[in-house]
PDB file of N, CA and C in Angstrom:
ATOM      1  N   UNK A   1     248.949 140.702  24.927  1.00  0.00           N
ATOM      2  CA  UNK A   1     250.050 141.159  25.757  1.00  0.00           C
ATOM      3  C   UNK A   1     251.286 141.220  24.871  1.00  0.00           C
ATOM      4  N   UNK A   2     251.743 142.375  24.553  1.00  0.00           N
ATOM      5  CA  UNK A   2     252.918 142.507  23.707  1.00  0.00           C
ATOM      6  C   UNK A   2     254.200 142.596  24.523  1.00  0.00           C
ATOM      7  N   UNK A   3     254.086 142.798  25.799  1.00  0.00           N
ATOM      8  CA  UNK A   3     255.245 142.885  26.684  1.00  0.00           C
ATOM      9  C   UNK A   3     255.667 141.479  27.106  1.00  0.00           C
ATOM     10  N   UNK A   4     256.959 141.219  27.181  1.00  0.00           N
ATOM     11  CA  UNK A   4     257.437 139.924  27.640  1.00  0.00           C
ATOM     12  C   UNK A   4     257.766 140.031  29.131  1.00  0.00           C
ATOM     13  N   UNK A   5     256.967 139.373  29.953  1.00  0.00           N
ATOM     14  CA  UNK A   5     257.157 139.377  31.401  1.00  0.00           C
ATOM     15  C   UNK A   5     258.064 138.226  31.811  1.00  0.00           C
ATOM     16  N   UNK A   6     258.749 138.394  32.927  1.00  0.00           N
ATOM     17  CA  UNK A   6     259.534 137.296  33.479  1.00  0.00           C
ATOM     18  C   UNK A   6     258.623 136.254  34.110  1.00  0.00           C
ATOM     19  N   UNK A   7     257.504 136.712  34.684  1.00  0.00           N
ATOM     20  CA  UNK A   7     256.585 135.806  35.360  1.00  0.00           C
ATOM     21  C   UNK A   7     255.156 136.282  35.148  1.00  0.00           C
ATOM     22  N   UNK A   8     254.320 135.412  34.579  1.00  0.00           N
ATOM     23  CA  UNK A   8     252.891 135.688  34.419  1.00  0.00           C
ATOM     24  C   UNK A   8     252.133 134.667  35.247  1.00  0.00           C
ATOM     25  N   UNK A   9     251.234 135.146  36.088  1.00  0.00           N
ATOM     26  CA  UNK A   9     250.468 134.284  36.986  1.00  0.00           C
ATOM     27  C   UNK A   9     248.998 134.421  36.627  1.00  0.00           C
ATOM     28  N   UNK A  10     248.350 133.292  36.428  1.00  0.00           N
ATOM     29  CA  UNK A  10     246.944 133.290  36.061  1.00  0.00           C
ATOM     30  C   UNK A  10     246.124 133.109  37.328  1.00  0.00           C
ATOM     31  N   UNK A  11     245.333 134.121  37.642  1.00  0.00           N
ATOM     32  CA  UNK A  11     244.490 134.109  38.829  1.00  0.00           C
ATOM     33  C   UNK A  11     245.064 134.981  39.926  1.00  0.00           C
ATOM     34  N   UNK A  12     244.258 135.929  40.394  1.00  0.00           N
ATOM     35  CA  UNK A  12     244.724 136.881  41.405  1.00  0.00           C
ATOM     36  C   UNK A  12     243.996 136.683  42.725  1.00  0.00           C
ATOM     37  N   UNK A  13     243.895 135.420  43.124  1.00  0.00           N
ATOM     38  CA  UNK A  13     243.401 135.109  44.459  1.00  0.00           C
ATOM     39  C   UNK A  13     244.583 135.014  45.408  1.00  0.00           C
ATOM     40  N   UNK A  14     244.359 134.529  46.626  1.00  0.00           N
ATOM     41  CA  UNK A  14     245.457 134.429  47.596  1.00  0.00           C
ATOM     42  C   UNK A  14     246.659 133.635  47.078  1.00  0.00           C
ATOM     43  N   UNK A  15     246.427 132.524  46.387  1.00  0.00           N
ATOM     44  CA  UNK A  15     247.547 131.711  45.893  1.00  0.00           C
ATOM     45  C   UNK A  15     248.314 132.432  44.785  1.00  0.00           C
ATOM     46  N   UNK A  16     247.609 133.086  43.882  1.00  0.00           N
ATOM     47  CA  UNK A  16     248.274 133.830  42.815  1.00  0.00           C
ATOM     48  C   UNK A  16     249.090 134.985  43.354  1.00  0.00           C
ATOM     49  N   UNK A  17     248.515 135.713  44.304  1.00  0.00           N
ATOM     50  CA  UNK A  17     249.231 136.838  44.909  1.00  0.00           C
ATOM     51  C   UNK A  17     250.449 136.338  45.672  1.00  0.00           C
ATOM     52  N   UNK A  18     250.297 135.243  46.414  1.00  0.00           N
ATOM     53  CA  UNK A  18     251.431 134.670  47.153  1.00  0.00           C
ATOM     54  C   UNK A  18     252.531 134.225  46.195  1.00  0.00           C
ATOM     55  N   UNK A  19     252.165 133.653  45.060  1.00  0.00           N
ATOM     56  CA  UNK A  19     253.157 133.251  44.062  1.00  0.00           C
ATOM     57  C   UNK A  19     253.908 134.464  43.529  1.00  0.00           C
ATOM     58  N   UNK A  20     253.194 135.550  43.293  1.00  0.00           N
ATOM     59  CA  UNK A  20     253.836 136.784  42.825  1.00  0.00           C
ATOM     60  C   UNK A  20     254.831 137.302  43.853  1.00  0.00           C
ATOM     61  N   UNK A  21     254.456 137.279  45.119  1.00  0.00           N
ATOM     62  CA  UNK A  21     255.350 137.749  46.186  1.00  0.00           C
ATOM     63  C   UNK A  21     256.584 136.866  46.271  1.00  0.00           C
ATOM     64  N   UNK A  22     256.398 135.561  46.209  1.00  0.00           N
ATOM     65  CA  UNK A  22     257.545 134.647  46.271  1.00  0.00           C
ATOM     66  C   UNK A  22     258.485 134.907  45.095  1.00  0.00           C
ATOM     67  N   UNK A  23     257.926 135.126  43.915  1.00  0.00           N
ATOM     68  CA  UNK A  23     258.759 135.459  42.760  1.00  0.00           C
ATOM     69  C   UNK A  23     259.518 136.754  42.971  1.00  0.00           C
ATOM     70  N   UNK A  24     258.835 137.755  43.490  1.00  0.00           N
ATOM     71  CA  UNK A  24     259.467 139.053  43.759  1.00  0.00           C
ATOM     72  C   UNK A  24     260.622 138.892  44.752  1.00  0.00           C
ATOM     73  N   UNK A  25     260.391 138.123  45.788  1.00  0.00           N
ATOM     74  CA  UNK A  25     261.425 137.930  46.808  1.00  0.00           C
ATOM     75  C   UNK A  25     262.589 137.077  46.304  1.00  0.00           C
ATOM     76  N   UNK A  26     262.387 136.394  45.179  1.00  0.00           N
ATOM     77  CA  UNK A  26     263.468 135.641  44.539  1.00  0.00           C
ATOM     78  C   UNK A  26     264.208 136.493  43.505  1.00  0.00           C
ATOM     79  N   UNK A  27     263.816 137.761  43.396  1.00  0.00           N
ATOM     80  CA  UNK A  27     264.524 138.667  42.502  1.00  0.00           C
ATOM     81  C   UNK A  27     263.841 138.949  41.180  1.00  0.00           C
ATOM     82  N   UNK A  28     262.674 138.367  40.955  1.00  0.00           N
ATOM     83  CA  UNK A  28     261.938 138.626  39.719  1.00  0.00           C
ATOM     84  C   UNK A  28     261.190 139.944  39.892  1.00  0.00           C
ATOM     85  N   UNK A  29     261.379 140.863  38.969  1.00  0.00           N
ATOM     86  CA  UNK A  29     260.760 142.181  39.112  1.00  0.00           C
ATOM     87  C   UNK A  29     259.689 142.469  38.064  1.00  0.00           C
ATOM     88  N   UNK A  30     259.649 141.715  37.003  1.00  0.00           N
ATOM     89  CA  UNK A  30     258.695 141.962  35.924  1.00  0.00           C
ATOM     90  C   UNK A  30     257.595 140.901  35.993  1.00  0.00           C
ATOM     91  N   UNK A  31     256.619 141.137  36.875  1.00  0.00           N
ATOM     92  CA  UNK A  31     255.585 140.150  37.192  1.00  0.00           C
ATOM     93  C   UNK A  31     254.216 140.724  36.839  1.00  0.00           C
ATOM     94  N   UNK A  32     253.362 139.885  36.266  1.00  0.00           N
ATOM     95  CA  UNK A  32     251.985 140.293  35.992  1.00  0.00           C
ATOM     96  C   UNK A  32     251.033 139.233  36.544  1.00  0.00           C
ATOM     97  N   UNK A  33     249.975 139.700  37.192  1.00  0.00           N
ATOM     98  CA  UNK A  33     248.867 138.851  37.625  1.00  0.00           C
ATOM     99  C   UNK A  33     247.733 139.044  36.621  1.00  0.00           C
ATOM    100  N   UNK A  34     247.243 137.961  36.047  1.00  0.00           N
ATOM    101  CA  UNK A  34     246.152 138.019  35.074  1.00  0.00           C
ATOM    102  C   UNK A  34     244.876 137.525  35.741  1.00  0.00           C
ATOM    103  N   UNK A  35     243.888 138.381  35.834  1.00  0.00           N
ATOM    104  CA  UNK A  35     242.635 138.057  36.520  1.00  0.00           C
ATOM    105  C   UNK A  35     241.457 138.287  35.581  1.00  0.00           C
ATOM    106  N   UNK A  36     240.580 137.288  35.464  1.00  0.00           N
ATOM    107  CA  UNK A  36     239.449 137.424  34.544  1.00  0.00           C
ATOM    108  C   UNK A  36     238.336 138.297  35.108  1.00  0.00           C
ATOM    109  N   UNK A  37     238.316 138.503  36.403  1.00  0.00           N
ATOM    110  CA  UNK A  37     237.279 139.326  37.017  1.00  0.00           C
ATOM    111  C   UNK A  37     237.733 140.779  37.098  1.00  0.00           C
ATOM    112  N   UNK A  38     236.982 141.605  37.808  1.00  0.00           N
ATOM    113  CA  UNK A  38     237.270 143.039  37.845  1.00  0.00           C
ATOM    114  C   UNK A  38     238.299 143.438  38.887  1.00  0.00           C
ATOM    115  N   UNK A  39     238.687 142.521  39.783  1.00  0.00           N
ATOM    116  CA  UNK A  39     239.689 142.840  40.796  1.00  0.00           C
ATOM    117  C   UNK A  39     240.244 141.543  41.369  1.00  0.00           C
ATOM    118  N   UNK A  40     241.292 141.653  42.182  1.00  0.00           N
ATOM    119  CA  UNK A  40     241.846 140.461  42.824  1.00  0.00           C
ATOM    120  C   UNK A  40     240.869 139.932  43.876  1.00  0.00           C
ATOM    121  N   UNK A  41     241.024 138.680  44.233  1.00  0.00           N
ATOM    122  CA  UNK A  41     240.208 138.030  45.269  1.00  0.00           C
ATOM    123  C   UNK A  41     238.713 138.155  45.003  1.00  0.00           C
ATOM    124  N   UNK A  42     238.296 137.851  43.794  1.00  0.00           N
ATOM    125  CA  UNK A  42     236.886 138.017  43.431  1.00  0.00           C
ATOM    126  C   UNK A  42     235.964 137.095  44.234  1.00  0.00           C
ATOM    127  N   UNK A  43     236.435 135.926  44.631  1.00  0.00           N
ATOM    128  CA  UNK A  43     235.595 135.028  45.425  1.00  0.00           C
ATOM    129  C   UNK A  43     235.257 135.666  46.764  1.00  0.00           C
ATOM    130  N   UNK A  44     236.246 136.245  47.426  1.00  0.00           N
ATOM    131  CA  UNK A  44     235.999 136.923  48.702  1.00  0.00           C
ATOM    132  C   UNK A  44     235.065 138.109  48.479  1.00  0.00           C
ATOM    133  N   UNK A  45     235.310 138.880  47.453  1.00  0.00           N
ATOM    134  CA  UNK A  45     234.482 140.064  47.176  1.00  0.00           C
ATOM    135  C   UNK A  45     233.025 139.696  46.898  1.00  0.00           C
ATOM    136  N   UNK A  46     232.809 138.614  46.152  1.00  0.00           N
ATOM    137  CA  UNK A  46     231.453 138.248  45.734  1.00  0.00           C
ATOM    138  C   UNK A  46     230.667 137.487  46.796  1.00  0.00           C
ATOM    139  N   UNK A  47     231.333 136.571  47.489  1.00  0.00           N
ATOM    140  CA  UNK A  47     230.585 135.628  48.311  1.00  0.00           C
ATOM    141  C   UNK A  47     230.687 135.852  49.814  1.00  0.00           C
ATOM    142  N   UNK A  48     231.586 136.693  50.255  1.00  0.00           N
ATOM    143  CA  UNK A  48     231.684 136.986  51.680  1.00  0.00           C
ATOM    144  C   UNK A  48     230.842 138.218  51.980  1.00  0.00           C
ATOM    145  N   UNK A  49     230.025 138.120  53.014  1.00  0.00           N
ATOM    146  CA  UNK A  49     229.237 139.276  53.441  1.00  0.00           C
ATOM    147  C   UNK A  49     230.169 140.311  54.052  1.00  0.00           C
ATOM    148  N   UNK A  50     229.736 141.566  54.054  1.00  0.00           N
ATOM    149  CA  UNK A  50     230.521 142.628  54.683  1.00  0.00           C
ATOM    150  C   UNK A  50     230.804 142.275  56.140  1.00  0.00           C
ATOM    151  N   UNK A  51     232.021 142.536  56.562  1.00  0.00           N
ATOM    152  CA  UNK A  51     232.511 142.285  57.925  1.00  0.00           C
ATOM    153  C   UNK A  51     232.609 140.806  58.292  1.00  0.00           C
ATOM    154  N   UNK A  52     232.463 139.902  57.323  1.00  0.00           N
ATOM    155  CA  UNK A  52     232.624 138.464  57.608  1.00  0.00           C
ATOM    156  C   UNK A  52     234.056 138.195  58.038  1.00  0.00           C
ATOM    157  N   UNK A  53     234.209 137.307  59.001  1.00  0.00           N
ATOM    158  CA  UNK A  53     235.532 136.912  59.463  1.00  0.00           C
ATOM    159  C   UNK A  53     236.260 136.143  58.368  1.00  0.00           C
ATOM    160  N   UNK A  54     237.539 136.415  58.251  1.00  0.00           N
ATOM    161  CA  UNK A  54     238.424 135.665  57.362  1.00  0.00           C
ATOM    162  C   UNK A  54     239.583 135.223  58.239  1.00  0.00           C
ATOM    163  N   UNK A  55     239.623 133.935  58.533  1.00  0.00           N
ATOM    164  CA  UNK A  55     240.605 133.412  59.483  1.00  0.00           C
ATOM    165  C   UNK A  55     241.603 132.482  58.810  1.00  0.00           C
ATOM    166  N   UNK A  56     242.813 132.510  59.323  1.00  0.00           N
ATOM    167  CA  UNK A  56     243.870 131.613  58.845  1.00  0.00           C
ATOM    168  C   UNK A  56     243.491 130.167  59.157  1.00  0.00           C
ATOM    169  N   UNK A  57     243.081 129.913  60.369  1.00  0.00           N
ATOM    170  CA  UNK A  57     242.658 128.574  60.790  1.00  0.00           C
ATOM    171  C   UNK A  57     241.133 128.519  60.755  1.00  0.00           C
ATOM    172  N   UNK A  58     240.598 127.398  60.290  1.00  0.00           N
ATOM    173  CA  UNK A  58     239.153 127.291  60.113  1.00  0.00           C
ATOM    174  C   UNK A  58     238.622 126.085  60.868  1.00  0.00           C
ATOM    175  N   UNK A  59     237.630 126.327  61.729  1.00  0.00           N
ATOM    176  CA  UNK A  59     236.970 125.274  62.511  1.00  0.00           C
ATOM    177  C   UNK A  59     237.974 124.372  63.213  1.00  0.00           C
ATOM    178  N   UNK A  60     238.973 124.994  63.823  1.00  0.00           N
ATOM    179  CA  UNK A  60     239.954 124.240  64.598  1.00  0.00           C
ATOM    180  C   UNK A  60     241.049 123.576  63.783  1.00  0.00           C
ATOM    181  N   UNK A  61     240.991 123.663  62.479  1.00  0.00           N
ATOM    182  CA  UNK A  61     242.034 123.085  61.632  1.00  0.00           C
ATOM    183  C   UNK A  61     243.159 124.103  61.507  1.00  0.00           C
ATOM    184  N   UNK A  62     244.266 123.819  62.166  1.00  0.00           N
ATOM    185  CA  UNK A  62     245.383 124.751  62.147  1.00  0.00           C
ATOM    186  C   UNK A  62     246.206 124.558  60.879  1.00  0.00           C
ATOM    187  N   UNK A  63     246.587 125.654  60.292  1.00  0.00           N
ATOM    188  CA  UNK A  63     247.343 125.652  59.045  1.00  0.00           C
ATOM    189  C   UNK A  63     248.719 126.250  59.298  1.00  0.00           C
ATOM    190  N   UNK A  64     249.746 125.541  58.874  1.00  0.00           N
ATOM    191  CA  UNK A  64     251.109 126.075  58.940  1.00  0.00           C
ATOM    192  C   UNK A  64     251.487 126.536  57.537  1.00  0.00           C
ATOM    193  N   UNK A  65     251.727 127.821  57.403  1.00  0.00           N
ATOM    194  CA  UNK A  65     252.060 128.387  56.102  1.00  0.00           C
ATOM    195  C   UNK A  65     253.568 128.382  55.888  1.00  0.00           C
ATOM    196  N   UNK A  66     253.995 127.984  54.699  1.00  0.00           N
ATOM    197  CA  UNK A  66     255.419 127.955  54.372  1.00  0.00           C
ATOM    198  C   UNK A  66     255.886 129.216  53.659  1.00  0.00           C
ATOM    199  N   UNK A  67     254.980 129.968  53.106  1.00  0.00           N
ATOM    200  CA  UNK A  67     255.347 131.146  52.332  1.00  0.00           C
ATOM    201  C   UNK A  67     255.759 132.313  53.207  1.00  0.00           C
ATOM    202  N   UNK A  68     256.019 133.429  52.549  1.00  0.00           N
ATOM    203  CA  UNK A  68     256.505 134.604  53.267  1.00  0.00           C
ATOM    204  C   UNK A  68     255.445 135.683  53.444  1.00  0.00           C
ATOM    205  N   UNK A  69     254.205 135.361  53.153  1.00  0.00           N
ATOM    206  CA  UNK A  69     253.108 136.267  53.483  1.00  0.00           C
ATOM    207  C   UNK A  69     252.569 135.814  54.832  1.00  0.00           C
ATOM    208  N   UNK A  70     252.627 136.706  55.792  1.00  0.00           N
ATOM    209  CA  UNK A  70     252.122 136.374  57.118  1.00  0.00           C
ATOM    210  C   UNK A  70     250.640 136.706  57.166  1.00  0.00           C
ATOM    211  N   UNK A  71     249.816 135.695  56.960  1.00  0.00           N
ATOM    212  CA  UNK A  71     248.370 135.873  56.921  1.00  0.00           C
ATOM    213  C   UNK A  71     247.832 135.970  58.337  1.00  0.00           C
ATOM    214  N   UNK A  72     247.011 136.985  58.576  1.00  0.00           N
ATOM    215  CA  UNK A  72     246.424 137.179  59.903  1.00  0.00           C
ATOM    216  C   UNK A  72     244.905 137.153  59.794  1.00  0.00           C
ATOM    217  N   UNK A  73     244.258 136.830  60.915  1.00  0.00           N
ATOM    218  CA  UNK A  73     242.804 136.842  60.955  1.00  0.00           C
ATOM    219  C   UNK A  73     242.296 138.270  60.795  1.00  0.00           C
ATOM    220  N   UNK A  74     241.145 138.401  60.191  1.00  0.00           N
ATOM    221  CA  UNK A  74     240.563 139.726  60.016  1.00  0.00           C
ATOM    222  C   UNK A  74     239.152 139.621  59.482  1.00  0.00           C
ATOM    223  N   UNK A  75     238.712 140.670  58.838  1.00  0.00           N
ATOM    224  CA  UNK A  75     237.400 140.696  58.205  1.00  0.00           C
ATOM    225  C   UNK A  75     237.583 140.693  56.690  1.00  0.00           C
ATOM    226  N   UNK A  76     236.481 140.589  55.995  1.00  0.00           N
ATOM    227  CA  UNK A  76     236.524 140.674  54.532  1.00  0.00           C
ATOM    228  C   UNK A  76     237.281 141.926  54.106  1.00  0.00           C
ATOM    229  N   UNK A  77     236.948 143.049  54.716  1.00  0.00           N
ATOM    230  CA  UNK A  77     237.525 144.330  54.316  1.00  0.00           C
ATOM    231  C   UNK A  77     239.014 144.427  54.644  1.00  0.00           C
ATOM    232  N   UNK A  78     239.410 143.994  55.846  1.00  0.00           N
ATOM    233  CA  UNK A  78     240.833 144.086  56.205  1.00  0.00           C
ATOM    234  C   UNK A  78     241.668 143.113  55.386  1.00  0.00           C
ATOM    235  N   UNK A  79     241.086 141.974  55.028  1.00  0.00           N
ATOM    236  CA  UNK A  79     241.800 141.005  54.195  1.00  0.00           C
ATOM    237  C   UNK A  79     242.025 141.561  52.791  1.00  0.00           C
ATOM    238  N   UNK A  80     241.016 142.188  52.216  1.00  0.00           N
ATOM    239  CA  UNK A  80     241.174 142.793  50.889  1.00  0.00           C
ATOM    240  C   UNK A  80     242.179 143.939  50.930  1.00  0.00           C
ATOM    241  N   UNK A  81     242.141 144.736  51.993  1.00  0.00           N
ATOM    242  CA  UNK A  81     243.132 145.811  52.163  1.00  0.00           C
ATOM    243  C   UNK A  81     244.541 145.236  52.265  1.00  0.00           C
ATOM    244  N   UNK A  82     244.673 144.132  52.996  1.00  0.00           N
ATOM    245  CA  UNK A  82     245.963 143.452  53.167  1.00  0.00           C
ATOM    246  C   UNK A  82     246.534 143.046  51.806  1.00  0.00           C
ATOM    247  N   UNK A  83     245.697 142.444  50.959  1.00  0.00           N
ATOM    248  CA  UNK A  83     246.167 142.023  49.642  1.00  0.00           C
ATOM    249  C   UNK A  83     246.438 143.217  48.725  1.00  0.00           C
ATOM    250  N   UNK A  84     245.663 144.297  48.854  1.00  0.00           N
ATOM    251  CA  UNK A  84     245.962 145.534  48.110  1.00  0.00           C
ATOM    252  C   UNK A  84     247.369 146.018  48.433  1.00  0.00           C
ATOM    253  N   UNK A  85     247.698 146.039  49.727  1.00  0.00           N
ATOM    254  CA  UNK A  85     249.016 146.510  50.171  1.00  0.00           C
ATOM    255  C   UNK A  85     250.134 145.608  49.663  1.00  0.00           C
ATOM    256  N   UNK A  86     249.907 144.302  49.690  1.00  0.00           N
ATOM    257  CA  UNK A  86     250.922 143.354  49.226  1.00  0.00           C
ATOM    258  C   UNK A  86     251.219 143.569  47.740  1.00  0.00           C
ATOM    259  N   UNK A  87     250.169 143.700  46.942  1.00  0.00           N
ATOM    260  CA  UNK A  87     250.352 143.907  45.500  1.00  0.00           C
ATOM    261  C   UNK A  87     251.124 145.198  45.246  1.00  0.00           C
ATOM    262  N   UNK A  88     250.750 146.264  45.932  1.00  0.00           N
ATOM    263  CA  UNK A  88     251.415 147.559  45.739  1.00  0.00           C
ATOM    264  C   UNK A  88     252.861 147.524  46.223  1.00  0.00           C
ATOM    265  N   UNK A  89     253.093 146.932  47.383  1.00  0.00           N
ATOM    266  CA  UNK A  89     254.435 146.914  47.974  1.00  0.00           C
ATOM    267  C   UNK A  89     255.430 146.137  47.114  1.00  0.00           C
ATOM    268  N   UNK A  90     254.962 145.090  46.449  1.00  0.00           N
ATOM    269  CA  UNK A  90     255.857 144.243  45.662  1.00  0.00           C
ATOM    270  C   UNK A  90     255.827 144.589  44.176  1.00  0.00           C
ATOM    271  N   UNK A  91     255.267 145.728  43.838  1.00  0.00           N
ATOM    272  CA  UNK A  91     255.267 146.244  42.457  1.00  0.00           C
ATOM    273  C   UNK A  91     254.778 145.217  41.438  1.00  0.00           C
ATOM    274  N   UNK A  92     253.709 144.524  41.788  1.00  0.00           N
ATOM    275  CA  UNK A  92     253.134 143.521  40.890  1.00  0.00           C
ATOM    276  C   UNK A  92     252.071 144.197  40.026  1.00  0.00           C
ATOM    277  N   UNK A  93     252.143 143.978  38.726  1.00  0.00           N
ATOM    278  CA  UNK A  93     251.132 144.524  37.816  1.00  0.00           C
ATOM    279  C   UNK A  93     249.917 143.609  37.828  1.00  0.00           C
ATOM    280  N   UNK A  94     248.754 144.181  38.066  1.00  0.00           N
ATOM    281  CA  UNK A  94     247.499 143.431  38.057  1.00  0.00           C
ATOM    282  C   UNK A  94     246.707 143.830  36.820  1.00  0.00           C
ATOM    283  N   UNK A  95     246.454 142.859  35.938  1.00  0.00           N
ATOM    284  CA  UNK A  95     245.609 143.096  34.764  1.00  0.00           C
ATOM    285  C   UNK A  95     244.291 142.374  34.997  1.00  0.00           C
ATOM    286  N   UNK A  96     243.197 143.132  34.936  1.00  0.00           N
ATOM    287  CA  UNK A  96     241.879 142.554  35.164  1.00  0.00           C
ATOM    288  C   UNK A  96     241.106 142.447  33.853  1.00  0.00           C
ATOM    289  N   UNK A  97     239.988 141.737  33.924  1.00  0.00           N
ATOM    290  CA  UNK A  97     239.141 141.484  32.755  1.00  0.00           C
ATOM    291  C   UNK A  97     239.942 140.787  31.649  1.00  0.00           C
ATOM    292  N   UNK A  98     240.823 139.884  32.047  1.00  0.00           N
ATOM    293  CA  UNK A  98     241.686 139.155  31.116  1.00  0.00           C
ATOM    294  C   UNK A  98     241.404 137.663  31.281  1.00  0.00           C
ATOM    295  N   UNK A  99     240.932 137.040  30.219  1.00  0.00           N
ATOM    296  CA  UNK A  99     240.684 135.604  30.268  1.00  0.00           C
ATOM    297  C   UNK A  99     241.699 134.884  29.390  1.00  0.00           C
ATOM    298  N   UNK A 100     242.507 134.054  30.021  1.00  0.00           N
ATOM    299  CA  UNK A 100     243.542 133.307  29.303  1.00  0.00           C
ATOM    300  C   UNK A 100     242.885 132.127  28.591  1.00  0.00           C
ATOM    301  N   UNK A 101     243.148 132.000  27.302  1.00  0.00           N
ATOM    302  CA  UNK A 101     242.593 130.906  26.517  1.00  0.00           C
ATOM    303  C   UNK A 101     243.608 129.811  26.226  1.00  0.00           C
ATOM    304  N   UNK A 102     244.867 130.199  26.105  1.00  0.00           N
ATOM    305  CA  UNK A 102     245.882 129.211  25.726  1.00  0.00           C
ATOM    306  C   UNK A 102     247.255 129.725  26.133  1.00  0.00           C
ATOM    307  N   UNK A 103     248.126 128.775  26.486  1.00  0.00           N
ATOM    308  CA  UNK A 103     249.535 129.078  26.752  1.00  0.00           C
ATOM    309  C   UNK A 103     250.343 128.164  25.845  1.00  0.00           C
ATOM    310  N   UNK A 104     251.270 128.736  25.106  1.00  0.00           N
ATOM    311  CA  UNK A 104     252.050 127.959  24.147  1.00  0.00           C
ATOM    312  C   UNK A 104     253.536 128.188  24.381  1.00  0.00           C
ATOM    313  N   UNK A 105     254.288 127.078  24.477  1.00  0.00           N
ATOM    314  CA  UNK A 105     255.739 127.186  24.608  1.00  0.00           C
ATOM    315  C   UNK A 105     256.322 127.587  23.261  1.00  0.00           C
ATOM    316  N   UNK A 106     257.188 128.583  23.296  1.00  0.00           N
ATOM    317  CA  UNK A 106     257.784 129.113  22.076  1.00  0.00           C
ATOM    318  C   UNK A 106     259.265 128.727  22.018  1.00  0.00           C
ATOM    319  N   UNK A 107     259.944 129.157  20.963  1.00  0.00           N
ATOM    320  CA  UNK A 107     261.379 128.897  20.854  1.00  0.00           C
ATOM    321  C   UNK A 107     262.118 129.642  21.956  1.00  0.00           C
ATOM    322  N   UNK A 108     263.285 129.151  22.271  1.00  0.00           N
ATOM    323  CA  UNK A 108     264.081 129.768  23.324  1.00  0.00           C
ATOM    324  C   UNK A 108     264.652 131.108  22.877  1.00  0.00           C
ATOM    325  N   UNK A 109     264.776 132.008  23.838  1.00  0.00           N
ATOM    326  CA  UNK A 109     265.412 133.306  23.630  1.00  0.00           C
ATOM    327  C   UNK A 109     266.580 133.373  24.598  1.00  0.00           C
ATOM    328  N   UNK A 110     267.789 133.575  24.088  1.00  0.00           N
ATOM    329  CA  UNK A 110     268.993 133.610  24.939  1.00  0.00           C
ATOM    330  C   UNK A 110     269.087 132.359  25.812  1.00  0.00           C
ATOM    331  N   UNK A 111     268.819 131.200  25.222  1.00  0.00           N
ATOM    332  CA  UNK A 111     268.886 129.891  25.890  1.00  0.00           C
ATOM    333  C   UNK A 111     267.861 129.723  27.002  1.00  0.00           C
ATOM    334  N   UNK A 112     266.854 130.572  27.044  1.00  0.00           N
ATOM    335  CA  UNK A 112     265.789 130.462  28.044  1.00  0.00           C
ATOM    336  C   UNK A 112     264.463 130.210  27.331  1.00  0.00           C
ATOM    337  N   UNK A 113     263.696 129.218  27.804  1.00  0.00           N
ATOM    338  CA  UNK A 113     262.389 128.997  27.183  1.00  0.00           C
ATOM    339  C   UNK A 113     261.438 130.143  27.543  1.00  0.00           C
ATOM    340  N   UNK A 114     260.492 130.403  26.668  1.00  0.00           N
ATOM    341  CA  UNK A 114     259.459 131.365  27.016  1.00  0.00           C
ATOM    342  C   UNK A 114     258.127 130.868  26.485  1.00  0.00           C
ATOM    343  N   UNK A 115     257.080 131.416  27.043  1.00  0.00           N
ATOM    344  CA  UNK A 115     255.734 130.989  26.714  1.00  0.00           C
ATOM    345  C   UNK A 115     254.922 132.194  26.252  1.00  0.00           C
ATOM    346  N   UNK A 116     254.063 131.967  25.282  1.00  0.00           N
ATOM    347  CA  UNK A 116     253.165 133.020  24.836  1.00  0.00           C
ATOM    348  C   UNK A 116     251.786 132.747  25.429  1.00  0.00           C
ATOM    349  N   UNK A 117     251.175 133.785  25.982  1.00  0.00           N
ATOM    350  CA  UNK A 117     249.862 133.677  26.603  1.00  0.00           C
ATOM    351  C   UNK A 117     248.844 134.302  25.658  1.00  0.00           C
ATOM    352  N   UNK A 118     247.820 133.524  25.309  1.00  0.00           N
ATOM    353  CA  UNK A 118     246.763 134.004  24.423  1.00  0.00           C
ATOM    354  C   UNK A 118     245.528 134.303  25.264  1.00  0.00           C
ATOM    355  N   UNK A 119     244.987 135.513  25.082  1.00  0.00           N
ATOM    356  CA  UNK A 119     243.860 135.947  25.892  1.00  0.00           C
ATOM    357  C   UNK A 119     242.653 136.253  25.021  1.00  0.00           C
ATOM    358  N   UNK A 120     241.466 136.110  25.607  1.00  0.00           N
ATOM    359  CA  UNK A 120     240.222 136.421  24.899  1.00  0.00           C
ATOM    360  C   UNK A 120     240.127 137.913  24.652  1.00  0.00           C
ATOM    361  N   UNK A 121     239.453 138.267  23.582  1.00  0.00           N
ATOM    362  CA  UNK A 121     239.193 139.674  23.285  1.00  0.00           C
ATOM    363  C   UNK A 121     240.297 140.259  22.549  1.00  0.00           C
TER     364      UNK A 121
END
């Protein structure tokens, strides 16, 4: 990665995408999601059967979300579509087939610390 991003997030599952959105809503515009698989939410894509329910609350355990993504119940397909829309709407760059091997803190630039991300391949 030769570009210096303001925010690099490792993993493009629900938590990674939510982190990107929170960063965007805080004014960060140069954000990249680094995903080692071929697309975001690979666990849902691989292990959920087609049309499987994806619910906010599971087996009666109610979850109160603090973030600004309003998660709604749906199916595997509608949930993946929902995350596609979120990524596109918030102008987040998604890089796939990227495996992070190391993160190293570098010298400060303009009194701000920065980190270099080393990837396989």
